[in-house]
């Protein structure tokens, strides 16, 4: 399993961002086999964590035309700075009742 961690310093998030983010999450899970996608925005920072079956799925997602548009918008308008970390999950476990 692969995890993608997106960390950003927000410049300005608008209605177009909200709309596109919702579309992208749906596309990631329905077309690119994303297992889980969670994000939080607080105090001028955003972090999104997504889990994927494979690196090939992540690369296909990155190349999607809608995702490419979002990346361009992010660089131009929404984010001052961002970092993307891609890692392999070696072990994962849960405790308690969800």
PDB file of N, CA and C in Angstrom:
ATOM      1  N   UNK A   1       0.850  -1.176   0.000  1.00  0.00           N
ATOM      2  CA  UNK A   1       0.000   0.000   0.000  1.00  0.00           C
ATOM      3  C   UNK A   1       0.894   1.236   0.000  1.00  0.00           C
ATOM      4  N   UNK A   2       0.437   2.280  -0.681  1.00  0.00           N
ATOM      5  CA  UNK A   2       1.165   3.538  -0.812  1.00  0.00           C
ATOM      6  C   UNK A   2       0.376   4.637  -0.102  1.00  0.00           C
ATOM      7  N   UNK A   3       1.088   5.535   0.571  1.00  0.00           N
ATOM      8  CA  UNK A   3       0.459   6.703   1.184  1.00  0.00           C
ATOM      9  C   UNK A   3       1.047   7.951   0.532  1.00  0.00           C
ATOM     10  N   UNK A   4       0.164   8.912   0.231  1.00  0.00           N
ATOM     11  CA  UNK A   4       0.565  10.208  -0.302  1.00  0.00           C
ATOM     12  C   UNK A   4       0.162  11.258   0.727  1.00  0.00           C
ATOM     13  N   UNK A   5       1.137  12.058   1.150  1.00  0.00           N
ATOM     14  CA  UNK A   5       0.898  13.107   2.137  1.00  0.00           C
ATOM     15  C   UNK A   5       1.159  14.447   1.461  1.00  0.00           C
ATOM     16  N   UNK A   6       0.124  15.267   1.387  1.00  0.00           N
ATOM     17  CA  UNK A   6       0.207  16.593   0.784  1.00  0.00           C
ATOM     18  C   UNK A   6       0.110  17.619   1.910  1.00  0.00           C
ATOM     19  N   UNK A   7       1.139  18.452   2.055  1.00  0.00           N
ATOM     20  CA  UNK A   7       1.148  19.497   3.078  1.00  0.00           C
ATOM     21  C   UNK A   7       1.307  20.838   2.377  1.00  0.00           C
ATOM     22  N   UNK A   8       0.468  21.813   2.733  1.00  0.00           N
ATOM     23  CA  UNK A   8       0.503  23.089   2.026  1.00  0.00           C
ATOM     24  C   UNK A   8       0.303  24.266   2.967  1.00  0.00           C
ATOM     25  N   UNK A   9       0.916  25.369   2.573  1.00  0.00           N
ATOM     26  CA  UNK A   9       0.647  26.668   3.190  1.00  0.00           C
ATOM     27  C   UNK A   9      -0.341  27.363   2.251  1.00  0.00           C
ATOM     28  N   UNK A  10      -1.495  27.699   2.775  1.00  0.00           N
ATOM     29  CA  UNK A  10      -2.590  28.234   1.957  1.00  0.00           C
ATOM     30  C   UNK A  10      -2.393  29.711   1.658  1.00  0.00           C
ATOM     31  N   UNK A  11      -2.617  30.061   0.396  1.00  0.00           N
ATOM     32  CA  UNK A  11      -2.664  31.459  -0.016  1.00  0.00           C
ATOM     33  C   UNK A  11      -4.118  31.928   0.070  1.00  0.00           C
ATOM     34  N   UNK A  12      -5.001  31.228  -0.641  1.00  0.00           N
ATOM     35  CA  UNK A  12      -6.414  31.581  -0.656  1.00  0.00           C
ATOM     36  C   UNK A  12      -7.206  30.446  -1.285  1.00  0.00           C
ATOM     37  N   UNK A  13      -8.203  29.948  -0.575  1.00  0.00           N
ATOM     38  CA  UNK A  13      -9.066  28.896  -1.114  1.00  0.00           C
ATOM     39  C   UNK A  13     -10.431  29.499  -1.425  1.00  0.00           C
ATOM     40  N   UNK A  14     -10.920  29.268  -2.641  1.00  0.00           N
ATOM     41  CA  UNK A  14     -12.174  29.861  -3.082  1.00  0.00           C
ATOM     42  C   UNK A  14     -13.213  28.772  -3.375  1.00  0.00           C
ATOM     43  N   UNK A  15     -14.363  29.191  -3.898  1.00  0.00           N
ATOM     44  CA  UNK A  15     -15.431  28.245  -4.212  1.00  0.00           C
ATOM     45  C   UNK A  15     -15.004  27.238  -5.274  1.00  0.00           C
ATOM     46  N   UNK A  16     -14.207  27.682  -6.241  1.00  0.00           N
ATOM     47  CA  UNK A  16     -13.735  26.769  -7.282  1.00  0.00           C
ATOM     48  C   UNK A  16     -12.877  25.671  -6.658  1.00  0.00           C
ATOM     49  N   UNK A  17     -12.059  26.029  -5.678  1.00  0.00           N
ATOM     50  CA  UNK A  17     -11.252  25.037  -4.978  1.00  0.00           C
ATOM     51  C   UNK A  17     -12.154  23.988  -4.327  1.00  0.00           C
ATOM     52  N   UNK A  18     -13.178  24.436  -3.608  1.00  0.00           N
ATOM     53  CA  UNK A  18     -14.080  23.518  -2.911  1.00  0.00           C
ATOM     54  C   UNK A  18     -14.743  22.553  -3.894  1.00  0.00           C
ATOM     55  N   UNK A  19     -15.215  23.090  -5.001  1.00  0.00           N
ATOM     56  CA  UNK A  19     -15.879  22.275  -6.018  1.00  0.00           C
ATOM     57  C   UNK A  19     -14.914  21.257  -6.633  1.00  0.00           C
ATOM     58  N   UNK A  20     -13.741  21.722  -7.007  1.00  0.00           N
ATOM     59  CA  UNK A  20     -12.757  20.847  -7.646  1.00  0.00           C
ATOM     60  C   UNK A  20     -12.234  19.786  -6.677  1.00  0.00           C
ATOM     61  N   UNK A  21     -12.024  20.160  -5.437  1.00  0.00           N
ATOM     62  CA  UNK A  21     -11.536  19.198  -4.432  1.00  0.00           C
ATOM     63  C   UNK A  21     -12.526  18.047  -4.269  1.00  0.00           C
ATOM     64  N   UNK A  22     -13.810  18.365  -4.237  1.00  0.00           N
ATOM     65  CA  UNK A  22     -14.835  17.324  -4.110  1.00  0.00           C
ATOM     66  C   UNK A  22     -14.816  16.395  -5.326  1.00  0.00           C
ATOM     67  N   UNK A  23     -14.721  16.967  -6.514  1.00  0.00           N
ATOM     68  CA  UNK A  23     -14.661  16.168  -7.740  1.00  0.00           C
ATOM     69  C   UNK A  23     -13.429  15.258  -7.740  1.00  0.00           C
ATOM     70  N   UNK A  24     -12.304  15.798  -7.316  1.00  0.00           N
ATOM     71  CA  UNK A  24     -11.055  15.044  -7.350  1.00  0.00           C
ATOM     72  C   UNK A  24     -11.069  13.872  -6.377  1.00  0.00           C
ATOM     73  N   UNK A  25     -11.624  14.077  -5.194  1.00  0.00           N
ATOM     74  CA  UNK A  25     -11.722  12.971  -4.233  1.00  0.00           C
ATOM     75  C   UNK A  25     -12.567  11.829  -4.806  1.00  0.00           C
ATOM     76  N   UNK A  26     -13.676  12.193  -5.414  1.00  0.00           N
ATOM     77  CA  UNK A  26     -14.558  11.190  -6.007  1.00  0.00           C
ATOM     78  C   UNK A  26     -13.850  10.460  -7.155  1.00  0.00           C
ATOM     79  N   UNK A  27     -13.156  11.209  -8.003  1.00  0.00           N
ATOM     80  CA  UNK A  27     -12.422  10.626  -9.113  1.00  0.00           C
ATOM     81  C   UNK A  27     -11.321   9.681  -8.619  1.00  0.00           C
ATOM     82  N   UNK A  28     -10.621  10.088  -7.572  1.00  0.00           N
ATOM     83  CA  UNK A  28      -9.533   9.271  -7.025  1.00  0.00           C
ATOM     84  C   UNK A  28     -10.040   7.912  -6.565  1.00  0.00           C
ATOM     85  N   UNK A  29     -11.170   7.906  -5.877  1.00  0.00           N
ATOM     86  CA  UNK A  29     -11.685   6.641  -5.349  1.00  0.00           C
ATOM     87  C   UNK A  29     -12.375   5.804  -6.420  1.00  0.00           C
ATOM     88  N   UNK A  30     -13.096   6.446  -7.330  1.00  0.00           N
ATOM     89  CA  UNK A  30     -13.870   5.701  -8.322  1.00  0.00           C
ATOM     90  C   UNK A  30     -13.054   5.219  -9.511  1.00  0.00           C
ATOM     91  N   UNK A  31     -12.067   5.999  -9.936  1.00  0.00           N
ATOM     92  CA  UNK A  31     -11.319   5.651 -11.147  1.00  0.00           C
ATOM     93  C   UNK A  31      -9.907   5.136 -10.864  1.00  0.00           C
ATOM     94  N   UNK A  32      -9.283   5.644  -9.809  1.00  0.00           N
ATOM     95  CA  UNK A  32      -7.864   5.347  -9.582  1.00  0.00           C
ATOM     96  C   UNK A  32      -7.590   4.490  -8.351  1.00  0.00           C
ATOM     97  N   UNK A  33      -8.617   3.856  -7.821  1.00  0.00           N
ATOM     98  CA  UNK A  33      -8.476   2.872  -6.739  1.00  0.00           C
ATOM     99  C   UNK A  33      -7.896   3.441  -5.447  1.00  0.00           C
ATOM    100  N   UNK A  34      -8.130   4.715  -5.187  1.00  0.00           N
ATOM    101  CA  UNK A  34      -7.720   5.290  -3.905  1.00  0.00           C
ATOM    102  C   UNK A  34      -8.551   4.632  -2.809  1.00  0.00           C
ATOM    103  N   UNK A  35      -7.890   4.146  -1.792  1.00  0.00           N
ATOM    104  CA  UNK A  35      -8.560   3.441  -0.705  1.00  0.00           C
ATOM    105  C   UNK A  35      -9.216   4.395   0.287  1.00  0.00           C
ATOM    106  N   UNK A  36      -8.533   5.492   0.571  1.00  0.00           N
ATOM    107  CA  UNK A  36      -9.043   6.461   1.549  1.00  0.00           C
ATOM    108  C   UNK A  36      -8.382   7.796   1.281  1.00  0.00           C
ATOM    109  N   UNK A  37      -9.143   8.883   1.436  1.00  0.00           N
ATOM    110  CA  UNK A  37      -8.647  10.230   1.165  1.00  0.00           C
ATOM    111  C   UNK A  37      -9.205  11.145   2.247  1.00  0.00           C
ATOM    112  N   UNK A  38      -8.332  11.721   3.045  1.00  0.00           N
ATOM    113  CA  UNK A  38      -8.757  12.598   4.134  1.00  0.00           C
ATOM    114  C   UNK A  38      -7.948  13.883   4.085  1.00  0.00           C
ATOM    115  N   UNK A  39      -8.599  15.000   4.399  1.00  0.00           N
ATOM    116  CA  UNK A  39      -7.867  16.266   4.441  1.00  0.00           C
ATOM    117  C   UNK A  39      -8.428  17.151   5.535  1.00  0.00           C
ATOM    118  N   UNK A  40      -7.563  18.056   5.997  1.00  0.00           N
ATOM    119  CA  UNK A  40      -7.950  19.006   7.031  1.00  0.00           C
ATOM    120  C   UNK A  40      -7.264  20.336   6.733  1.00  0.00           C
ATOM    121  N   UNK A  41      -7.990  21.412   6.962  1.00  0.00           N
ATOM    122  CA  UNK A  41      -7.455  22.758   6.788  1.00  0.00           C
ATOM    123  C   UNK A  41      -7.619  23.489   8.108  1.00  0.00           C
ATOM    124  N   UNK A  42      -6.513  24.065   8.586  1.00  0.00           N
ATOM    125  CA  UNK A  42      -6.557  24.765   9.869  1.00  0.00           C
ATOM    126  C   UNK A  42      -5.409  25.767   9.942  1.00  0.00           C
ATOM    127  N   UNK A  43      -5.731  26.997  10.354  1.00  0.00           N
ATOM    128  CA  UNK A  43      -4.701  28.000  10.597  1.00  0.00           C
ATOM    129  C   UNK A  43      -3.776  28.281   9.424  1.00  0.00           C
ATOM    130  N   UNK A  44      -4.316  28.338   8.225  1.00  0.00           N
ATOM    131  CA  UNK A  44      -3.496  28.641   7.059  1.00  0.00           C
ATOM    132  C   UNK A  44      -2.709  27.459   6.512  1.00  0.00           C
ATOM    133  N   UNK A  45      -2.974  26.288   7.035  1.00  0.00           N
ATOM    134  CA  UNK A  45      -2.283  25.074   6.581  1.00  0.00           C
ATOM    135  C   UNK A  45      -3.316  24.040   6.135  1.00  0.00           C
ATOM    136  N   UNK A  46      -2.909  23.212   5.189  1.00  0.00           N
ATOM    137  CA  UNK A  46      -3.739  22.097   4.748  1.00  0.00           C
ATOM    138  C   UNK A  46      -2.876  20.848   4.732  1.00  0.00           C
ATOM    139  N   UNK A  47      -3.463  19.750   5.136  1.00  0.00           N
ATOM    140  CA  UNK A  47      -2.804  18.452   5.006  1.00  0.00           C
ATOM    141  C   UNK A  47      -3.833  17.472   4.466  1.00  0.00           C
ATOM    142  N   UNK A  48      -3.409  16.717   3.471  1.00  0.00           N
ATOM    143  CA  UNK A  48      -4.258  15.678   2.891  1.00  0.00           C
ATOM    144  C   UNK A  48      -3.451  14.390   2.871  1.00  0.00           C
ATOM    145  N   UNK A  49      -4.091  13.321   3.289  1.00  0.00           N
ATOM    146  CA  UNK A  49      -3.450  12.012   3.327  1.00  0.00           C
ATOM    147  C   UNK A  49      -4.338  11.056   2.539  1.00  0.00           C
ATOM    148  N   UNK A  50      -3.728  10.379   1.588  1.00  0.00           N
ATOM    149  CA  UNK A  50      -4.486   9.411   0.797  1.00  0.00           C
ATOM    150  C   UNK A  50      -3.718   8.094   0.726  1.00  0.00           C
ATOM    151  N   UNK A  51      -4.483   7.017   0.670  1.00  0.00           N
ATOM    152  CA  UNK A  51      -3.926   5.665   0.646  1.00  0.00           C
ATOM    153  C   UNK A  51      -4.314   5.005  -0.670  1.00  0.00           C
ATOM    154  N   UNK A  52      -3.355   4.301  -1.285  1.00  0.00           N
ATOM    155  CA  UNK A  52      -3.524   3.763  -2.627  1.00  0.00           C
ATOM    156  C   UNK A  52      -3.067   2.312  -2.689  1.00  0.00           C
ATOM    157  N   UNK A  53      -3.616   1.568  -3.635  1.00  0.00           N
ATOM    158  CA  UNK A  53      -3.211   0.190  -3.854  1.00  0.00           C
ATOM    159  C   UNK A  53      -1.760   0.106  -4.337  1.00  0.00           C
ATOM    160  N   UNK A  54      -1.369   1.022  -5.246  1.00  0.00           N
ATOM    161  CA  UNK A  54      -0.046   0.896  -5.860  1.00  0.00           C
ATOM    162  C   UNK A  54       0.486   2.257  -6.313  1.00  0.00           C
ATOM    163  N   UNK A  55       1.787   2.301  -6.566  1.00  0.00           N
ATOM    164  CA  UNK A  55       2.410   3.503  -7.105  1.00  0.00           C
ATOM    165  C   UNK A  55       1.896   3.792  -8.510  1.00  0.00           C
ATOM    166  N   UNK A  56       1.571   2.748  -9.260  1.00  0.00           N
ATOM    167  CA  UNK A  56       1.003   2.941 -10.601  1.00  0.00           C
ATOM    168  C   UNK A  56      -0.320   3.701 -10.527  1.00  0.00           C
ATOM    169  N   UNK A  57      -1.138   3.392  -9.528  1.00  0.00           N
ATOM    170  CA  UNK A  57      -2.404   4.125  -9.338  1.00  0.00           C
ATOM    171  C   UNK A  57      -2.136   5.590  -9.018  1.00  0.00           C
ATOM    172  N   UNK A  58      -1.159   5.846  -8.172  1.00  0.00           N
ATOM    173  CA  UNK A  58      -0.792   7.228  -7.808  1.00  0.00           C
ATOM    174  C   UNK A  58      -0.328   7.984  -9.053  1.00  0.00           C
ATOM    175  N   UNK A  59       0.518   7.364  -9.848  1.00  0.00           N
ATOM    176  CA  UNK A  59       1.033   8.015 -11.056  1.00  0.00           C
ATOM    177  C   UNK A  59      -0.074   8.280 -12.076  1.00  0.00           C
ATOM    178  N   UNK A  60      -1.014   7.359 -12.203  1.00  0.00           N
ATOM    179  CA  UNK A  60      -2.149   7.572 -13.112  1.00  0.00           C
ATOM    180  C   UNK A  60      -3.005   8.734 -12.622  1.00  0.00           C
ATOM    181  N   UNK A  61      -3.220   8.810 -11.323  1.00  0.00           N
ATOM    182  CA  UNK A  61      -3.975   9.908 -10.703  1.00  0.00           C
ATOM    183  C   UNK A  61      -3.276  11.239 -10.955  1.00  0.00           C
ATOM    184  N   UNK A  62      -1.953  11.261 -10.772  1.00  0.00           N
ATOM    185  CA  UNK A  62      -1.186  12.501 -10.979  1.00  0.00           C
ATOM    186  C   UNK A  62      -1.298  12.979 -12.423  1.00  0.00           C
ATOM    187  N   UNK A  63      -1.386  12.051 -13.368  1.00  0.00           N
ATOM    188  CA  UNK A  63      -1.445  12.401 -14.784  1.00  0.00           C
ATOM    189  C   UNK A  63      -2.848  12.741 -15.277  1.00  0.00           C
ATOM    190  N   UNK A  64      -3.885  12.500 -14.482  1.00  0.00           N
ATOM    191  CA  UNK A  64      -5.261  12.792 -14.892  1.00  0.00           C
ATOM    192  C   UNK A  64      -5.415  14.280 -15.234  1.00  0.00           C
ATOM    193  N   UNK A  65      -6.125  14.591 -16.298  1.00  0.00           N
ATOM    194  CA  UNK A  65      -6.237  15.976 -16.771  1.00  0.00           C
ATOM    195  C   UNK A  65      -6.905  16.894 -15.749  1.00  0.00           C
ATOM    196  N   UNK A  66      -7.911  16.420 -15.020  1.00  0.00           N
ATOM    197  CA  UNK A  66      -8.545  17.247 -13.994  1.00  0.00           C
ATOM    198  C   UNK A  66      -7.576  17.506 -12.843  1.00  0.00           C
ATOM    199  N   UNK A  67      -6.801  16.500 -12.480  1.00  0.00           N
ATOM    200  CA  UNK A  67      -5.804  16.678 -11.433  1.00  0.00           C
ATOM    201  C   UNK A  67      -4.698  17.621 -11.899  1.00  0.00           C
ATOM    202  N   UNK A  68      -4.319  17.539 -13.164  1.00  0.00           N
ATOM    203  CA  UNK A  68      -3.332  18.464 -13.728  1.00  0.00           C
ATOM    204  C   UNK A  68      -3.841  19.908 -13.631  1.00  0.00           C
ATOM    205  N   UNK A  69      -5.121  20.111 -13.942  1.00  0.00           N
ATOM    206  CA  UNK A  69      -5.711  21.448 -13.828  1.00  0.00           C
ATOM    207  C   UNK A  69      -5.651  21.931 -12.384  1.00  0.00           C
ATOM    208  N   UNK A  70      -5.991  21.061 -11.435  1.00  0.00           N
ATOM    209  CA  UNK A  70      -5.956  21.429 -10.023  1.00  0.00           C
ATOM    210  C   UNK A  70      -4.542  21.780  -9.579  1.00  0.00           C
ATOM    211  N   UNK A  71      -3.557  21.036 -10.074  1.00  0.00           N
ATOM    212  CA  UNK A  71      -2.169  21.338  -9.728  1.00  0.00           C
ATOM    213  C   UNK A  71      -1.778  22.732 -10.228  1.00  0.00           C
ATOM    214  N   UNK A  72      -2.177  23.063 -11.443  1.00  0.00           N
ATOM    215  CA  UNK A  72      -1.880  24.391 -11.995  1.00  0.00           C
ATOM    216  C   UNK A  72      -2.564  25.486 -11.182  1.00  0.00           C
ATOM    217  N   UNK A  73      -3.827  25.268 -10.836  1.00  0.00           N
ATOM    218  CA  UNK A  73      -4.568  26.251 -10.032  1.00  0.00           C
ATOM    219  C   UNK A  73      -3.931  26.395  -8.646  1.00  0.00           C
ATOM    220  N   UNK A  74      -3.512  25.285  -8.088  1.00  0.00           N
ATOM    221  CA  UNK A  74      -2.868  25.316  -6.780  1.00  0.00           C
ATOM    222  C   UNK A  74      -1.615  26.158  -6.791  1.00  0.00           C
ATOM    223  N   UNK A  75      -0.766  25.956  -7.787  1.00  0.00           N
ATOM    224  CA  UNK A  75       0.478  26.728  -7.876  1.00  0.00           C
ATOM    225  C   UNK A  75       0.194  28.206  -8.129  1.00  0.00           C
ATOM    226  N   UNK A  76      -0.802  28.500  -8.950  1.00  0.00           N
ATOM    227  CA  UNK A  76      -1.080  29.883  -9.337  1.00  0.00           C
ATOM    228  C   UNK A  76      -1.878  30.668  -8.295  1.00  0.00           C
ATOM    229  N   UNK A  77      -2.811  30.015  -7.595  1.00  0.00           N
ATOM    230  CA  UNK A  77      -3.756  30.762  -6.767  1.00  0.00           C
ATOM    231  C   UNK A  77      -3.901  30.292  -5.321  1.00  0.00           C
ATOM    232  N   UNK A  78      -3.942  28.994  -5.086  1.00  0.00           N
ATOM    233  CA  UNK A  78      -4.388  28.489  -3.799  1.00  0.00           C
ATOM    234  C   UNK A  78      -3.293  28.312  -2.756  1.00  0.00           C
ATOM    235  N   UNK A  79      -2.074  27.987  -3.194  1.00  0.00           N
ATOM    236  CA  UNK A  79      -1.017  27.653  -2.230  1.00  0.00           C
ATOM    237  C   UNK A  79       0.222  28.531  -2.393  1.00  0.00           C
ATOM    238  N   UNK A  80       0.807  28.915  -1.265  1.00  0.00           N
ATOM    239  CA  UNK A  80       2.092  29.612  -1.270  1.00  0.00           C
ATOM    240  C   UNK A  80       3.233  28.607  -1.468  1.00  0.00           C
ATOM    241  N   UNK A  81       3.067  27.474  -0.832  1.00  0.00           N
ATOM    242  CA  UNK A  81       4.105  26.441  -0.830  1.00  0.00           C
ATOM    243  C   UNK A  81       3.434  25.108  -0.527  1.00  0.00           C
ATOM    244  N   UNK A  82       3.957  24.033  -1.096  1.00  0.00           N
ATOM    245  CA  UNK A  82       3.436  22.713  -0.744  1.00  0.00           C
ATOM    246  C   UNK A  82       4.541  21.666  -0.860  1.00  0.00           C
ATOM    247  N   UNK A  83       4.321  20.577  -0.168  1.00  0.00           N
ATOM    248  CA  UNK A  83       5.227  19.435  -0.195  1.00  0.00           C
ATOM    249  C   UNK A  83       4.388  18.178  -0.389  1.00  0.00           C
ATOM    250  N   UNK A  84       4.858  17.282  -1.230  1.00  0.00           N
ATOM    251  CA  UNK A  84       4.198  15.998  -1.439  1.00  0.00           C
ATOM    252  C   UNK A  84       5.186  14.894  -1.042  1.00  0.00           C
ATOM    253  N   UNK A  85       4.740  14.025  -0.170  1.00  0.00           N
ATOM    254  CA  UNK A  85       5.541  12.881   0.249  1.00  0.00           C
ATOM    255  C   UNK A  85       4.807  11.612  -0.170  1.00  0.00           C
ATOM    256  N   UNK A  86       5.525  10.717  -0.826  1.00  0.00           N
ATOM    257  CA  UNK A  86       4.955   9.433  -1.237  1.00  0.00           C
ATOM    258  C   UNK A  86       5.788   8.346  -0.573  1.00  0.00           C
ATOM    259  N   UNK A  87       5.111   7.463   0.151  1.00  0.00           N
ATOM    260  CA  UNK A  87       5.828   6.420   0.892  1.00  0.00           C
ATOM    261  C   UNK A  87       5.069   5.106   0.824  1.00  0.00           C
ATOM    262  N   UNK A  88       5.803   4.041   1.072  1.00  0.00           N
ATOM    263  CA  UNK A  88       5.193   2.722   1.143  1.00  0.00           C
ATOM    264  C   UNK A  88       4.827   2.430   2.592  1.00  0.00           C
ATOM    265  N   UNK A  89       3.622   1.943   2.807  1.00  0.00           N
ATOM    266  CA  UNK A  89       3.173   1.573   4.151  1.00  0.00           C
ATOM    267  C   UNK A  89       3.690   0.167   4.430  1.00  0.00           C
ATOM    268  N   UNK A  90       4.515   0.051   5.444  1.00  0.00           N
ATOM    269  CA  UNK A  90       5.084  -1.250   5.788  1.00  0.00           C
ATOM    270  C   UNK A  90       4.210  -2.020   6.755  1.00  0.00           C
ATOM    271  N   UNK A  91       3.487  -1.294   7.586  1.00  0.00           N
ATOM    272  CA  UNK A  91       2.640  -1.958   8.574  1.00  0.00           C
ATOM    273  C   UNK A  91       1.543  -0.985   8.982  1.00  0.00           C
ATOM    274  N   UNK A  92       0.333  -1.504   9.163  1.00  0.00           N
ATOM    275  CA  UNK A  92      -0.785  -0.687   9.628  1.00  0.00           C
ATOM    276  C   UNK A  92      -1.675  -1.556  10.500  1.00  0.00           C
ATOM    277  N   UNK A  93      -2.117  -1.011  11.614  1.00  0.00           N
ATOM    278  CA  UNK A  93      -3.036  -1.742  12.470  1.00  0.00           C
ATOM    279  C   UNK A  93      -3.992  -0.783  13.129  1.00  0.00           C
ATOM    280  N   UNK A  94      -5.112  -1.303  13.607  1.00  0.00           N
ATOM    281  CA  UNK A  94      -6.136  -0.520  14.286  1.00  0.00           C
ATOM    282  C   UNK A  94      -6.406  -1.162  15.638  1.00  0.00           C
ATOM    283  N   UNK A  95      -6.813  -0.312  16.575  1.00  0.00           N
ATOM    284  CA  UNK A  95      -7.251  -0.796  17.872  1.00  0.00           C
ATOM    285  C   UNK A  95      -8.537  -0.079  18.236  1.00  0.00           C
ATOM    286  N   UNK A  96      -9.386  -0.715  18.963  1.00  0.00           N
ATOM    287  CA  UNK A  96     -10.636  -0.102  19.374  1.00  0.00           C
ATOM    288  C   UNK A  96     -11.718  -0.277  18.339  1.00  0.00           C
ATOM    289  N   UNK A  97     -12.862   0.308  18.618  1.00  0.00           N
ATOM    290  CA  UNK A  97     -14.019   0.217  17.749  1.00  0.00           C
ATOM    291  C   UNK A  97     -14.157   1.510  16.965  1.00  0.00           C
ATOM    292  N   UNK A  98     -14.230   1.433  15.637  1.00  0.00           N
ATOM    293  CA  UNK A  98     -14.379   2.666  14.832  1.00  0.00           C
ATOM    294  C   UNK A  98     -15.720   3.330  15.037  1.00  0.00           C
TER     295      UNK A  98
END
